[in-house]
Amino acid sequence: MAGGYVYGASRQRAPRPEPRPAESAAPSRPCFTPGAVHPAPPAPAAAHLPWHSPTGDRLRVQRHTCESCRDTSFEYGLIGGRYRIRRTVRRPSGIWTVHETPAVRKDVALWWWQGLLSGQAE
């Protein structure tokens, strides 16, 4: 078919959009731990997690964020068979404040953890 129609030949492809760079909070100090997990900055409509004073029990940490370049770090782990997220904030005065989420099931804690990392929760 010399003059035949080739399916799709007349279609114009839309230009692909340029990928947006990943948004992340600028570290307050240089990060010397390559590959460390850094949480995204909270979105304007981010969900607020229920933070409260820590129980004082030992957290068996399973995942954590970088604590060398930012003032706020998070730890995900178990206390007594239930999962929690612990937030540690270092103040310039040298005082640390620690808060925890309530003890919840693993699926809820993982959902909160993913929200913290993606900026959908704070």
PDB file of N, CA and C in Angstrom:
ATOM      1  N   MET A   1       0.836  -1.174   0.000  1.00  0.00           N
ATOM      2  CA  MET A   1       0.000   0.000   0.000  1.00  0.00           C
ATOM      3  C   MET A   1       0.880   1.236   0.000  1.00  0.00           C
ATOM      4  N   ALA A   2       1.090   1.773  -1.133  1.00  0.00           N
ATOM      5  CA  ALA A   2       1.966   2.917  -1.249  1.00  0.00           C
ATOM      6  C   ALA A   2       1.347   4.150  -0.629  1.00  0.00           C
ATOM      7  N   GLY A   3       0.073   4.395  -0.860  1.00  0.00           N
ATOM      8  CA  GLY A   3      -0.562   5.595  -0.325  1.00  0.00           C
ATOM      9  C   GLY A   3      -1.484   5.271   0.835  1.00  0.00           C
ATOM     10  N   GLY A   4      -1.305   4.104   1.426  1.00  0.00           N
ATOM     11  CA  GLY A   4      -2.207   3.667   2.494  1.00  0.00           C
ATOM     12  C   GLY A   4      -2.007   4.435   3.795  1.00  0.00           C
ATOM     13  N   TYR A   5      -3.006   4.322   4.610  1.00  0.00           N
ATOM     14  CA  TYR A   5      -2.991   5.015   5.897  1.00  0.00           C
ATOM     15  C   TYR A   5      -2.304   4.136   6.941  1.00  0.00           C
ATOM     16  N   VAL A   6      -1.403   4.717   7.657  1.00  0.00           N
ATOM     17  CA  VAL A   6      -0.747   4.021   8.747  1.00  0.00           C
ATOM     18  C   VAL A   6      -1.388   4.504  10.029  1.00  0.00           C
ATOM     19  N   TYR A   7      -1.956   3.593  10.806  1.00  0.00           N
ATOM     20  CA  TYR A   7      -2.668   3.964  12.020  1.00  0.00           C
ATOM     21  C   TYR A   7      -1.736   4.691  12.983  1.00  0.00           C
ATOM     22  N   GLY A   8      -2.174   5.841  13.434  1.00  0.00           N
ATOM     23  CA  GLY A   8      -1.424   6.607  14.417  1.00  0.00           C
ATOM     24  C   GLY A   8      -0.361   7.512  13.826  1.00  0.00           C
ATOM     25  N   ALA A   9      -0.149   7.455  12.525  1.00  0.00           N
ATOM     26  CA  ALA A   9       0.911   8.254  11.928  1.00  0.00           C
ATOM     27  C   ALA A   9       0.578   9.743  11.938  1.00  0.00           C
ATOM     28  N   SER A  10      -0.696  10.079  11.884  1.00  0.00           N
ATOM     29  CA  SER A  10      -1.061  11.488  11.821  1.00  0.00           C
ATOM     30  C   SER A  10      -1.237  12.113  13.205  1.00  0.00           C
ATOM     31  N   ARG A  11      -1.123  11.325  14.214  1.00  0.00           N
ATOM     32  CA  ARG A  11      -1.301  11.853  15.568  1.00  0.00           C
ATOM     33  C   ARG A  11      -0.061  12.609  16.025  1.00  0.00           C
ATOM     34  N   GLN A  12      -0.295  13.720  16.662  1.00  0.00           N
ATOM     35  CA  GLN A  12       0.791  14.483  17.258  1.00  0.00           C
ATOM     36  C   GLN A  12       0.894  14.068  18.721  1.00  0.00           C
ATOM     37  N   ARG A  13       2.081  13.753  19.158  1.00  0.00           N
ATOM     38  CA  ARG A  13       2.259  13.417  20.564  1.00  0.00           C
ATOM     39  C   ARG A  13       2.443  14.699  21.365  1.00  0.00           C
ATOM     40  N   ALA A  14       1.761  14.745  22.489  1.00  0.00           N
ATOM     41  CA  ALA A  14       1.897  15.905  23.362  1.00  0.00           C
ATOM     42  C   ALA A  14       3.278  15.879  23.999  1.00  0.00           C
ATOM     43  N   PRO A  15       3.894  17.032  24.130  1.00  0.00           N
ATOM     44  CA  PRO A  15       5.213  17.034  24.774  1.00  0.00           C
ATOM     45  C   PRO A  15       5.094  16.581  26.229  1.00  0.00           C
ATOM     46  N   ARG A  16       6.075  15.827  26.646  1.00  0.00           N
ATOM     47  CA  ARG A  16       6.066  15.353  28.028  1.00  0.00           C
ATOM     48  C   ARG A  16       6.420  16.507  28.956  1.00  0.00           C
ATOM     49  N   PRO A  17       5.687  16.604  30.065  1.00  0.00           N
ATOM     50  CA  PRO A  17       6.015  17.680  30.997  1.00  0.00           C
ATOM     51  C   PRO A  17       7.346  17.399  31.684  1.00  0.00           C
ATOM     52  N   GLU A  18       8.044  18.463  32.010  1.00  0.00           N
ATOM     53  CA  GLU A  18       9.310  18.325  32.722  1.00  0.00           C
ATOM     54  C   GLU A  18       9.038  17.816  34.129  1.00  0.00           C
ATOM     55  N   PRO A  19       9.796  16.832  34.596  1.00  0.00           N
ATOM     56  CA  PRO A  19       9.560  16.362  35.959  1.00  0.00           C
ATOM     57  C   PRO A  19       9.950  17.436  36.969  1.00  0.00           C
ATOM     58  N   ARG A  20       9.080  17.595  37.978  1.00  0.00           N
ATOM     59  CA  ARG A  20       9.365  18.577  39.017  1.00  0.00           C
ATOM     60  C   ARG A  20      10.399  18.014  39.969  1.00  0.00           C
ATOM     61  N   PRO A  21      11.314  18.832  40.418  1.00  0.00           N
ATOM     62  CA  PRO A  21      12.275  18.337  41.398  1.00  0.00           C
ATOM     63  C   PRO A  21      11.568  18.032  42.705  1.00  0.00           C
ATOM     64  N   ALA A  22      12.060  17.031  43.415  1.00  0.00           N
ATOM     65  CA  ALA A  22      11.458  16.654  44.686  1.00  0.00           C
ATOM     66  C   ALA A  22      11.628  17.794  45.680  1.00  0.00           C
ATOM     67  N   GLU A  23      10.513  18.139  46.328  1.00  0.00           N
ATOM     68  CA  GLU A  23      10.562  19.215  47.298  1.00  0.00           C
ATOM     69  C   GLU A  23      11.010  18.646  48.635  1.00  0.00           C
ATOM     70  N   SER A  24      11.963  19.261  49.232  1.00  0.00           N
ATOM     71  CA  SER A  24      12.403  18.850  50.557  1.00  0.00           C
ATOM     72  C   SER A  24      12.876  20.072  51.311  1.00  0.00           C
ATOM     73  N   ALA A  25      12.749  19.985  52.612  1.00  0.00           N
ATOM     74  CA  ALA A  25      13.185  21.104  53.431  1.00  0.00           C
ATOM     75  C   ALA A  25      14.701  21.196  53.385  1.00  0.00           C
ATOM     76  N   ALA A  26      15.188  22.393  53.335  1.00  0.00           N
ATOM     77  CA  ALA A  26      16.635  22.577  53.322  1.00  0.00           C
ATOM     78  C   ALA A  26      17.192  22.172  54.678  1.00  0.00           C
ATOM     79  N   PRO A  27      18.198  21.315  54.684  1.00  0.00           N
ATOM     80  CA  PRO A  27      18.750  20.904  55.967  1.00  0.00           C
ATOM     81  C   PRO A  27      19.394  22.077  56.686  1.00  0.00           C
ATOM     82  N   SER A  28      19.284  22.047  58.015  1.00  0.00           N
ATOM     83  CA  SER A  28      19.871  23.122  58.791  1.00  0.00           C
ATOM     84  C   SER A  28      21.378  22.929  58.965  1.00  0.00           C
ATOM     85  N   ARG A  29      21.853  21.725  58.782  1.00  0.00           N
ATOM     86  CA  ARG A  29      23.278  21.395  58.847  1.00  0.00           C
ATOM     87  C   ARG A  29      23.588  20.477  57.662  1.00  0.00           C
ATOM     88  N   PRO A  30      24.837  20.374  57.251  1.00  0.00           N
ATOM     89  CA  PRO A  30      25.153  19.472  56.151  1.00  0.00           C
ATOM     90  C   PRO A  30      24.907  18.020  56.551  1.00  0.00           C
ATOM     91  N   CYS A  31      24.421  17.238  55.605  1.00  0.00           N
ATOM     92  CA  CYS A  31      24.114  15.836  55.874  1.00  0.00           C
ATOM     93  C   CYS A  31      25.292  14.977  55.430  1.00  0.00           C
ATOM     94  N   PHE A  32      25.842  14.213  56.359  1.00  0.00           N
ATOM     95  CA  PHE A  32      26.968  13.339  56.067  1.00  0.00           C
ATOM     96  C   PHE A  32      26.561  11.867  56.022  1.00  0.00           C
ATOM     97  N   THR A  33      25.254  11.595  55.984  1.00  0.00           N
ATOM     98  CA  THR A  33      24.773  10.221  55.898  1.00  0.00           C
ATOM     99  C   THR A  33      24.028  10.031  54.585  1.00  0.00           C
ATOM    100  N   PRO A  34      24.751   9.655  53.517  1.00  0.00           N
ATOM    101  CA  PRO A  34      24.079   9.450  52.241  1.00  0.00           C
ATOM    102  C   PRO A  34      23.115   8.268  52.335  1.00  0.00           C
ATOM    103  N   GLY A  35      21.984   8.418  51.712  1.00  0.00           N
ATOM    104  CA  GLY A  35      20.987   7.360  51.727  1.00  0.00           C
ATOM    105  C   GLY A  35      20.072   7.416  52.935  1.00  0.00           C
ATOM    106  N   ALA A  36      20.274   8.376  53.816  1.00  0.00           N
ATOM    107  CA  ALA A  36      19.414   8.503  54.984  1.00  0.00           C
ATOM    108  C   ALA A  36      18.042   9.021  54.557  1.00  0.00           C
ATOM    109  N   VAL A  37      17.030   8.646  55.300  1.00  0.00           N
ATOM    110  CA  VAL A  37      15.667   9.065  54.999  1.00  0.00           C
ATOM    111  C   VAL A  37      15.440  10.462  55.561  1.00  0.00           C
ATOM    112  N   HIS A  38      14.956  11.356  54.704  1.00  0.00           N
ATOM    113  CA  HIS A  38      14.655  12.726  55.103  1.00  0.00           C
ATOM    114  C   HIS A  38      13.170  12.966  54.857  1.00  0.00           C
ATOM    115  N   PRO A  39      12.401  13.328  55.885  1.00  0.00           N
ATOM    116  CA  PRO A  39      10.978  13.579  55.663  1.00  0.00           C
ATOM    117  C   PRO A  39      10.758  14.844  54.848  1.00  0.00           C
ATOM    118  N   ALA A  40       9.704  14.827  54.055  1.00  0.00           N
ATOM    119  CA  ALA A  40       9.334  15.998  53.261  1.00  0.00           C
ATOM    120  C   ALA A  40       8.717  17.045  54.182  1.00  0.00           C
ATOM    121  N   PRO A  41       8.773  18.323  53.796  1.00  0.00           N
ATOM    122  CA  PRO A  41       8.125  19.340  54.627  1.00  0.00           C
ATOM    123  C   PRO A  41       6.611  19.129  54.625  1.00  0.00           C
ATOM    124  N   PRO A  42       5.942  19.447  55.720  1.00  0.00           N
ATOM    125  CA  PRO A  42       4.489  19.233  55.787  1.00  0.00           C
ATOM    126  C   PRO A  42       3.754  20.065  54.742  1.00  0.00           C
ATOM    127  N   ALA A  43       2.771  19.454  54.114  1.00  0.00           N
ATOM    128  CA  ALA A  43       1.918  20.147  53.152  1.00  0.00           C
ATOM    129  C   ALA A  43       0.977  21.089  53.906  1.00  0.00           C
ATOM    130  N   PRO A  44       0.422  22.089  53.231  1.00  0.00           N
ATOM    131  CA  PRO A  44      -0.492  23.011  53.911  1.00  0.00           C
ATOM    132  C   PRO A  44      -1.700  22.312  54.544  1.00  0.00           C
ATOM    133  N   ALA A  45      -2.175  21.253  53.928  1.00  0.00           N
ATOM    134  CA  ALA A  45      -3.340  20.527  54.469  1.00  0.00           C
ATOM    135  C   ALA A  45      -2.916  19.219  55.129  1.00  0.00           C
ATOM    136  N   ALA A  46      -1.747  19.187  55.719  1.00  0.00           N
ATOM    137  CA  ALA A  46      -1.245  17.960  56.339  1.00  0.00           C
ATOM    138  C   ALA A  46      -2.063  17.606  57.579  1.00  0.00           C
ATOM    139  N   ALA A  47      -2.282  16.309  57.752  1.00  0.00           N
ATOM    140  CA  ALA A  47      -3.012  15.824  58.925  1.00  0.00           C
ATOM    141  C   ALA A  47      -2.126  15.939  60.160  1.00  0.00           C
ATOM    142  N   HIS A  48      -2.723  16.273  61.279  1.00  0.00           N
ATOM    143  CA  HIS A  48      -1.973  16.396  62.532  1.00  0.00           C
ATOM    144  C   HIS A  48      -2.059  15.072  63.290  1.00  0.00           C
ATOM    145  N   LEU A  49      -0.918  14.511  63.600  1.00  0.00           N
ATOM    146  CA  LEU A  49      -0.894  13.269  64.365  1.00  0.00           C
ATOM    147  C   LEU A  49      -1.098  13.569  65.842  1.00  0.00           C
ATOM    148  N   PRO A  50      -1.652  12.620  66.579  1.00  0.00           N
ATOM    149  CA  PRO A  50      -1.888  12.846  68.014  1.00  0.00           C
ATOM    150  C   PRO A  50      -0.614  12.624  68.825  1.00  0.00           C
ATOM    151  N   TRP A  51       0.147  13.666  69.075  1.00  0.00           N
ATOM    152  CA  TRP A  51       1.381  13.568  69.847  1.00  0.00           C
ATOM    153  C   TRP A  51       1.077  13.754  71.324  1.00  0.00           C
ATOM    154  N   HIS A  52       1.782  13.008  72.185  1.00  0.00           N
ATOM    155  CA  HIS A  52       1.653  13.179  73.628  1.00  0.00           C
ATOM    156  C   HIS A  52       2.995  12.916  74.285  1.00  0.00           C
ATOM    157  N   SER A  53       3.075  13.105  75.582  1.00  0.00           N
ATOM    158  CA  SER A  53       4.325  12.883  76.306  1.00  0.00           C
ATOM    159  C   SER A  53       4.731  11.424  76.239  1.00  0.00           C
ATOM    160  N   PRO A  54       6.034  11.141  76.183  1.00  0.00           N
ATOM    161  CA  PRO A  54       6.468   9.747  76.075  1.00  0.00           C
ATOM    162  C   PRO A  54       6.200   8.958  77.344  1.00  0.00           C
ATOM    163  N   THR A  55       6.076   7.645  77.171  1.00  0.00           N
ATOM    164  CA  THR A  55       5.811   6.755  78.298  1.00  0.00           C
ATOM    165  C   THR A  55       7.074   6.448  79.078  1.00  0.00           C
ATOM    166  N   GLY A  56       8.219   6.649  78.462  1.00  0.00           N
ATOM    167  CA  GLY A  56       9.482   6.329  79.122  1.00  0.00           C
ATOM    168  C   GLY A  56       9.950   4.910  78.849  1.00  0.00           C
ATOM    169  N   ASP A  57       9.131   4.135  78.165  1.00  0.00           N
ATOM    170  CA  ASP A  57       9.523   2.774  77.817  1.00  0.00           C
ATOM    171  C   ASP A  57      10.501   2.791  76.660  1.00  0.00           C
ATOM    172  N   ARG A  58      11.269   1.718  76.550  1.00  0.00           N
ATOM    173  CA  ARG A  58      12.269   1.602  75.498  1.00  0.00           C
ATOM    174  C   ARG A  58      11.592   1.283  74.170  1.00  0.00           C
ATOM    175  N   LEU A  59      11.897   2.073  73.165  1.00  0.00           N
ATOM    176  CA  LEU A  59      11.349   1.873  71.824  1.00  0.00           C
ATOM    177  C   LEU A  59      12.305   0.999  71.035  1.00  0.00           C
ATOM    178  N   ARG A  60      11.808  -0.110  70.517  1.00  0.00           N
ATOM    179  CA  ARG A  60      12.622  -0.954  69.636  1.00  0.00           C
ATOM    180  C   ARG A  60      12.483  -0.397  68.220  1.00  0.00           C
ATOM    181  N   VAL A  61      13.458   0.380  67.828  1.00  0.00           N
ATOM    182  CA  VAL A  61      13.400   1.139  66.579  1.00  0.00           C
ATOM    183  C   VAL A  61      13.531   0.202  65.381  1.00  0.00           C
ATOM    184  N   GLN A  62      12.610   0.349  64.432  1.00  0.00           N
ATOM    185  CA  GLN A  62      12.661  -0.411  63.186  1.00  0.00           C
ATOM    186  C   GLN A  62      13.022   0.484  62.004  1.00  0.00           C
ATOM    187  N   ARG A  63      12.607   1.746  62.059  1.00  0.00           N
ATOM    188  CA  ARG A  63      12.940   2.713  61.003  1.00  0.00           C
ATOM    189  C   ARG A  63      13.173   4.063  61.658  1.00  0.00           C
ATOM    190  N   HIS A  64      13.989   4.887  61.022  1.00  0.00           N
ATOM    191  CA  HIS A  64      14.258   6.213  61.573  1.00  0.00           C
ATOM    192  C   HIS A  64      14.637   7.159  60.450  1.00  0.00           C
ATOM    193  N   THR A  65      14.537   8.443  60.732  1.00  0.00           N
ATOM    194  CA  THR A  65      14.954   9.461  59.778  1.00  0.00           C
ATOM    195  C   THR A  65      16.325   9.980  60.182  1.00  0.00           C
ATOM    196  N   CYS A  66      16.928  10.751  59.300  1.00  0.00           N
ATOM    197  CA  CYS A  66      18.250  11.309  59.551  1.00  0.00           C
ATOM    198  C   CYS A  66      18.172  12.276  60.728  1.00  0.00           C
ATOM    199  N   GLU A  67      19.118  12.158  61.630  1.00  0.00           N
ATOM    200  CA  GLU A  67      19.135  13.060  62.777  1.00  0.00           C
ATOM    201  C   GLU A  67      20.374  13.937  62.809  1.00  0.00           C
ATOM    202  N   SER A  68      21.207  13.860  61.766  1.00  0.00           N
ATOM    203  CA  SER A  68      22.431  14.660  61.785  1.00  0.00           C
ATOM    204  C   SER A  68      22.260  16.026  61.127  1.00  0.00           C
ATOM    205  N   CYS A  69      21.299  16.187  60.214  1.00  0.00           N
ATOM    206  CA  CYS A  69      21.203  17.450  59.479  1.00  0.00           C
ATOM    207  C   CYS A  69      19.961  18.264  59.810  1.00  0.00           C
ATOM    208  N   ARG A  70      19.011  17.686  60.520  1.00  0.00           N
ATOM    209  CA  ARG A  70      17.792  18.418  60.846  1.00  0.00           C
ATOM    210  C   ARG A  70      17.573  18.424  62.350  1.00  0.00           C
ATOM    211  N   ASP A  71      16.816  19.396  62.801  1.00  0.00           N
ATOM    212  CA  ASP A  71      16.548  19.504  64.228  1.00  0.00           C
ATOM    213  C   ASP A  71      15.444  18.557  64.696  1.00  0.00           C
ATOM    214  N   THR A  72      14.607  18.082  63.782  1.00  0.00           N
ATOM    215  CA  THR A  72      13.530  17.162  64.133  1.00  0.00           C
ATOM    216  C   THR A  72      13.811  15.810  63.489  1.00  0.00           C
ATOM    217  N   SER A  73      13.762  14.760  64.304  1.00  0.00           N
ATOM    218  CA  SER A  73      13.939  13.408  63.778  1.00  0.00           C
ATOM    219  C   SER A  73      12.795  12.532  64.275  1.00  0.00           C
ATOM    220  N   PHE A  74      12.520  11.457  63.536  1.00  0.00           N
ATOM    221  CA  PHE A  74      11.427  10.550  63.856  1.00  0.00           C
ATOM    222  C   PHE A  74      11.951   9.129  63.929  1.00  0.00           C
ATOM    223  N   GLU A  75      11.336   8.325  64.802  1.00  0.00           N
ATOM    224  CA  GLU A  75      11.656   6.903  64.925  1.00  0.00           C
ATOM    225  C   GLU A  75      10.347   6.132  64.922  1.00  0.00           C
ATOM    226  N   TYR A  76      10.336   5.006  64.220  1.00  0.00           N
ATOM    227  CA  TYR A  76       9.178   4.130  64.138  1.00  0.00           C
ATOM    228  C   TYR A  76       9.569   2.811  64.777  1.00  0.00           C
ATOM    229  N   GLY A  77       8.774   2.310  65.717  1.00  0.00           N
ATOM    230  CA  GLY A  77       9.141   1.056  66.354  1.00  0.00           C
ATOM    231  C   GLY A  77       8.075   0.521  67.280  1.00  0.00           C
ATOM    232  N   LEU A  78       8.479  -0.468  68.076  1.00  0.00           N
ATOM    233  CA  LEU A  78       7.571  -1.187  68.962  1.00  0.00           C
ATOM    234  C   LEU A  78       7.852  -0.894  70.422  1.00  0.00           C
ATOM    235  N   ILE A  79       6.784  -0.832  71.187  1.00  0.00           N
ATOM    236  CA  ILE A  79       6.861  -0.834  72.645  1.00  0.00           C
ATOM    237  C   ILE A  79       5.781  -1.802  73.109  1.00  0.00           C
ATOM    238  N   GLY A  80       6.202  -2.900  73.677  1.00  0.00           N
ATOM    239  CA  GLY A  80       5.240  -3.866  74.205  1.00  0.00           C
ATOM    240  C   GLY A  80       4.317  -4.468  73.168  1.00  0.00           C
ATOM    241  N   GLY A  81       4.791  -4.696  71.956  1.00  0.00           N
ATOM    242  CA  GLY A  81       3.973  -5.321  70.917  1.00  0.00           C
ATOM    243  C   GLY A  81       3.087  -4.366  70.148  1.00  0.00           C
ATOM    244  N   ARG A  82       3.077  -3.101  70.491  1.00  0.00           N
ATOM    245  CA  ARG A  82       2.292  -2.103  69.770  1.00  0.00           C
ATOM    246  C   ARG A  82       3.248  -1.102  69.129  1.00  0.00           C
ATOM    247  N   TYR A  83       2.835  -0.501  68.050  1.00  0.00           N
ATOM    248  CA  TYR A  83       3.703   0.374  67.264  1.00  0.00           C
ATOM    249  C   TYR A  83       3.469   1.828  67.624  1.00  0.00           C
ATOM    250  N   ARG A  84       4.558   2.599  67.610  1.00  0.00           N
ATOM    251  CA  ARG A  84       4.515   4.031  67.899  1.00  0.00           C
ATOM    252  C   ARG A  84       5.511   4.754  67.002  1.00  0.00           C
ATOM    253  N   ILE A  85       5.314   6.048  66.916  1.00  0.00           N
ATOM    254  CA  ILE A  85       6.283   6.921  66.261  1.00  0.00           C
ATOM    255  C   ILE A  85       6.731   7.928  67.314  1.00  0.00           C
ATOM    256  N   ARG A  86       8.026   8.097  67.418  1.00  0.00           N
ATOM    257  CA  ARG A  86       8.592   9.034  68.392  1.00  0.00           C
ATOM    258  C   ARG A  86       9.223  10.198  67.636  1.00  0.00           C
ATOM    259  N   ARG A  87       8.902  11.420  68.088  1.00  0.00           N
ATOM    260  CA  ARG A  87       9.445  12.637  67.478  1.00  0.00           C
ATOM    261  C   ARG A  87      10.379  13.309  68.475  1.00  0.00           C
ATOM    262  N   THR A  88      11.585  13.598  68.044  1.00  0.00           N
ATOM    263  CA  THR A  88      12.558  14.283  68.884  1.00  0.00           C
ATOM    264  C   THR A  88      12.922  15.605  68.218  1.00  0.00           C
ATOM    265  N   VAL A  89      12.763  16.692  68.966  1.00  0.00           N
ATOM    266  CA  VAL A  89      13.082  18.034  68.456  1.00  0.00           C
ATOM    267  C   VAL A  89      14.229  18.575  69.293  1.00  0.00           C
ATOM    268  N   ARG A  90      15.317  18.928  68.611  1.00  0.00           N
ATOM    269  CA  ARG A  90      16.471  19.532  69.287  1.00  0.00           C
ATOM    270  C   ARG A  90      16.363  21.041  69.181  1.00  0.00           C
ATOM    271  N   ARG A  91      16.404  21.702  70.298  1.00  0.00           N
ATOM    272  CA  ARG A  91      16.321  23.161  70.344  1.00  0.00           C
ATOM    273  C   ARG A  91      17.738  23.746  70.335  1.00  0.00           C
ATOM    274  N   PRO A  92      17.909  24.981  69.849  1.00  0.00           N
ATOM    275  CA  PRO A  92      19.240  25.607  69.874  1.00  0.00           C
ATOM    276  C   PRO A  92      19.799  25.751  71.287  1.00  0.00           C
ATOM    277  N   SER A  93      18.914  25.802  72.287  1.00  0.00           N
ATOM    278  CA  SER A  93      19.393  25.944  73.663  1.00  0.00           C
ATOM    279  C   SER A  93      19.952  24.640  74.222  1.00  0.00           C
ATOM    280  N   GLY A  94      19.864  23.565  73.472  1.00  0.00           N
ATOM    281  CA  GLY A  94      20.371  22.280  73.935  1.00  0.00           C
ATOM    282  C   GLY A  94      19.320  21.416  74.596  1.00  0.00           C
ATOM    283  N   ILE A  95      18.097  21.892  74.694  1.00  0.00           N
ATOM    284  CA  ILE A  95      17.013  21.130  75.301  1.00  0.00           C
ATOM    285  C   ILE A  95      16.308  20.323  74.211  1.00  0.00           C
ATOM    286  N   TRP A  96      16.099  19.047  74.475  1.00  0.00           N
ATOM    287  CA  TRP A  96      15.398  18.179  73.542  1.00  0.00           C
ATOM    288  C   TRP A  96      13.981  17.965  74.042  1.00  0.00           C
ATOM    289  N   THR A  97      13.015  17.989  73.135  1.00  0.00           N
ATOM    290  CA  THR A  97      11.643  17.638  73.490  1.00  0.00           C
ATOM    291  C   THR A  97      11.267  16.382  72.721  1.00  0.00           C
ATOM    292  N   VAL A  98      10.655  15.456  73.419  1.00  0.00           N
ATOM    293  CA  VAL A  98      10.288  14.163  72.835  1.00  0.00           C
ATOM    294  C   VAL A  98       8.786  13.966  72.994  1.00  0.00           C
ATOM    295  N   HIS A  99       8.141  13.546  71.906  1.00  0.00           N
ATOM    296  CA  HIS A  99       6.719  13.223  71.920  1.00  0.00           C
ATOM    297  C   HIS A  99       6.526  11.896  71.198  1.00  0.00           C
ATOM    298  N   GLU A 100       5.437  11.206  71.526  1.00  0.00           N
ATOM    299  CA  GLU A 100       5.104   9.927  70.899  1.00  0.00           C
ATOM    300  C   GLU A 100       3.651   9.942  70.453  1.00  0.00           C
ATOM    301  N   THR A 101       3.372   9.089  69.482  1.00  0.00           N
ATOM    302  CA  THR A 101       1.983   8.839  69.117  1.00  0.00           C
ATOM    303  C   THR A 101       1.447   7.772  70.063  1.00  0.00           C
ATOM    304  N   PRO A 102       0.145   7.612  70.135  1.00  0.00           N
ATOM    305  CA  PRO A 102      -0.391   6.515  70.935  1.00  0.00           C
ATOM    306  C   PRO A 102       0.022   5.163  70.339  1.00  0.00           C
ATOM    307  N   ALA A 103      -0.030   4.123  71.148  1.00  0.00           N
ATOM    308  CA  ALA A 103       0.272   2.774  70.668  1.00  0.00           C
ATOM    309  C   ALA A 103      -0.881   2.304  69.779  1.00  0.00           C
ATOM    310  N   VAL A 104      -0.539   1.904  68.553  1.00  0.00           N
ATOM    311  CA  VAL A 104      -1.561   1.503  67.581  1.00  0.00           C
ATOM    312  C   VAL A 104      -1.127   0.227  66.867  1.00  0.00           C
ATOM    313  N   ARG A 105      -2.028  -0.293  66.030  1.00  0.00           N
ATOM    314  CA  ARG A 105      -1.711  -1.462  65.202  1.00  0.00           C
ATOM    315  C   ARG A 105      -0.665  -1.098  64.159  1.00  0.00           C
ATOM    316  N   LYS A 106      -0.029  -2.095  63.613  1.00  0.00           N
ATOM    317  CA  LYS A 106       1.054  -1.888  62.655  1.00  0.00           C
ATOM    318  C   LYS A 106       0.587  -1.134  61.416  1.00  0.00           C
ATOM    319  N   ASP A 107      -0.586  -1.478  60.875  1.00  0.00           N
ATOM    320  CA  ASP A 107      -1.047  -0.828  59.648  1.00  0.00           C
ATOM    321  C   ASP A 107      -1.309   0.659  59.860  1.00  0.00           C
ATOM    322  N   VAL A 108      -1.830   1.038  61.013  1.00  0.00           N
ATOM    323  CA  VAL A 108      -2.077   2.451  61.299  1.00  0.00           C
ATOM    324  C   VAL A 108      -0.747   3.189  61.462  1.00  0.00           C
ATOM    325  N   ALA A 109       0.189   2.576  62.190  1.00  0.00           N
ATOM    326  CA  ALA A 109       1.494   3.211  62.401  1.00  0.00           C
ATOM    327  C   ALA A 109       2.245   3.372  61.076  1.00  0.00           C
ATOM    328  N   LEU A 110       2.178   2.384  60.202  1.00  0.00           N
ATOM    329  CA  LEU A 110       2.835   2.508  58.891  1.00  0.00           C
ATOM    330  C   LEU A 110       2.185   3.595  58.054  1.00  0.00           C
ATOM    331  N   TRP A 111       0.880   3.735  58.149  1.00  0.00           N
ATOM    332  CA  TRP A 111       0.180   4.788  57.417  1.00  0.00           C
ATOM    333  C   TRP A 111       0.634   6.153  57.919  1.00  0.00           C
ATOM    334  N   TRP A 112       0.761   6.304  59.249  1.00  0.00           N
ATOM    335  CA  TRP A 112       1.264   7.553  59.821  1.00  0.00           C
ATOM    336  C   TRP A 112       2.704   7.796  59.391  1.00  0.00           C
ATOM    337  N   TRP A 113       3.532   6.751  59.402  1.00  0.00           N
ATOM    338  CA  TRP A 113       4.942   6.882  59.031  1.00  0.00           C
ATOM    339  C   TRP A 113       5.077   7.356  57.585  1.00  0.00           C
ATOM    340  N   GLN A 114       4.328   6.730  56.683  1.00  0.00           N
ATOM    341  CA  GLN A 114       4.365   7.145  55.278  1.00  0.00           C
ATOM    342  C   GLN A 114       3.869   8.579  55.119  1.00  0.00           C
ATOM    343  N   GLY A 115       2.877   8.971  55.917  1.00  0.00           N
ATOM    344  CA  GLY A 115       2.406  10.343  55.879  1.00  0.00           C
ATOM    345  C   GLY A 115       3.463  11.331  56.322  1.00  0.00           C
ATOM    346  N   LEU A 116       4.230  10.976  57.352  1.00  0.00           N
ATOM    347  CA  LEU A 116       5.316  11.848  57.804  1.00  0.00           C
ATOM    348  C   LEU A 116       6.394  11.993  56.740  1.00  0.00           C
ATOM    349  N   LEU A 117       6.758  10.881  56.114  1.00  0.00           N
ATOM    350  CA  LEU A 117       7.820  10.924  55.107  1.00  0.00           C
ATOM    351  C   LEU A 117       7.396  11.679  53.854  1.00  0.00           C
ATOM    352  N   SER A 118       6.110  11.592  53.498  1.00  0.00           N
ATOM    353  CA  SER A 118       5.640  12.240  52.277  1.00  0.00           C
ATOM    354  C   SER A 118       5.163  13.675  52.507  1.00  0.00           C
ATOM    355  N   GLY A 119       5.079  14.116  53.767  1.00  0.00           N
ATOM    356  CA  GLY A 119       4.623  15.465  54.049  1.00  0.00           C
ATOM    357  C   GLY A 119       3.119  15.590  54.203  1.00  0.00           C
ATOM    358  N   GLN A 120       2.396  14.463  54.203  1.00  0.00           N
ATOM    359  CA  GLN A 120       0.943  14.490  54.327  1.00  0.00           C
ATOM    360  C   GLN A 120       0.489  14.471  55.781  1.00  0.00           C
ATOM    361  N   ALA A 121       1.420  14.320  56.708  1.00  0.00           N
ATOM    362  CA  ALA A 121       1.103  14.335  58.145  1.00  0.00           C
ATOM    363  C   ALA A 121       2.202  15.092  58.859  1.00  0.00           C
ATOM    364  N   GLU A 122       1.857  15.632  60.017  1.00  0.00           N
ATOM    365  CA  GLU A 122       2.863  16.324  60.818  1.00  0.00           C
ATOM    366  C   GLU A 122       2.600  16.080  62.283  1.00  0.00           C
TER     367      GLU A 122
END
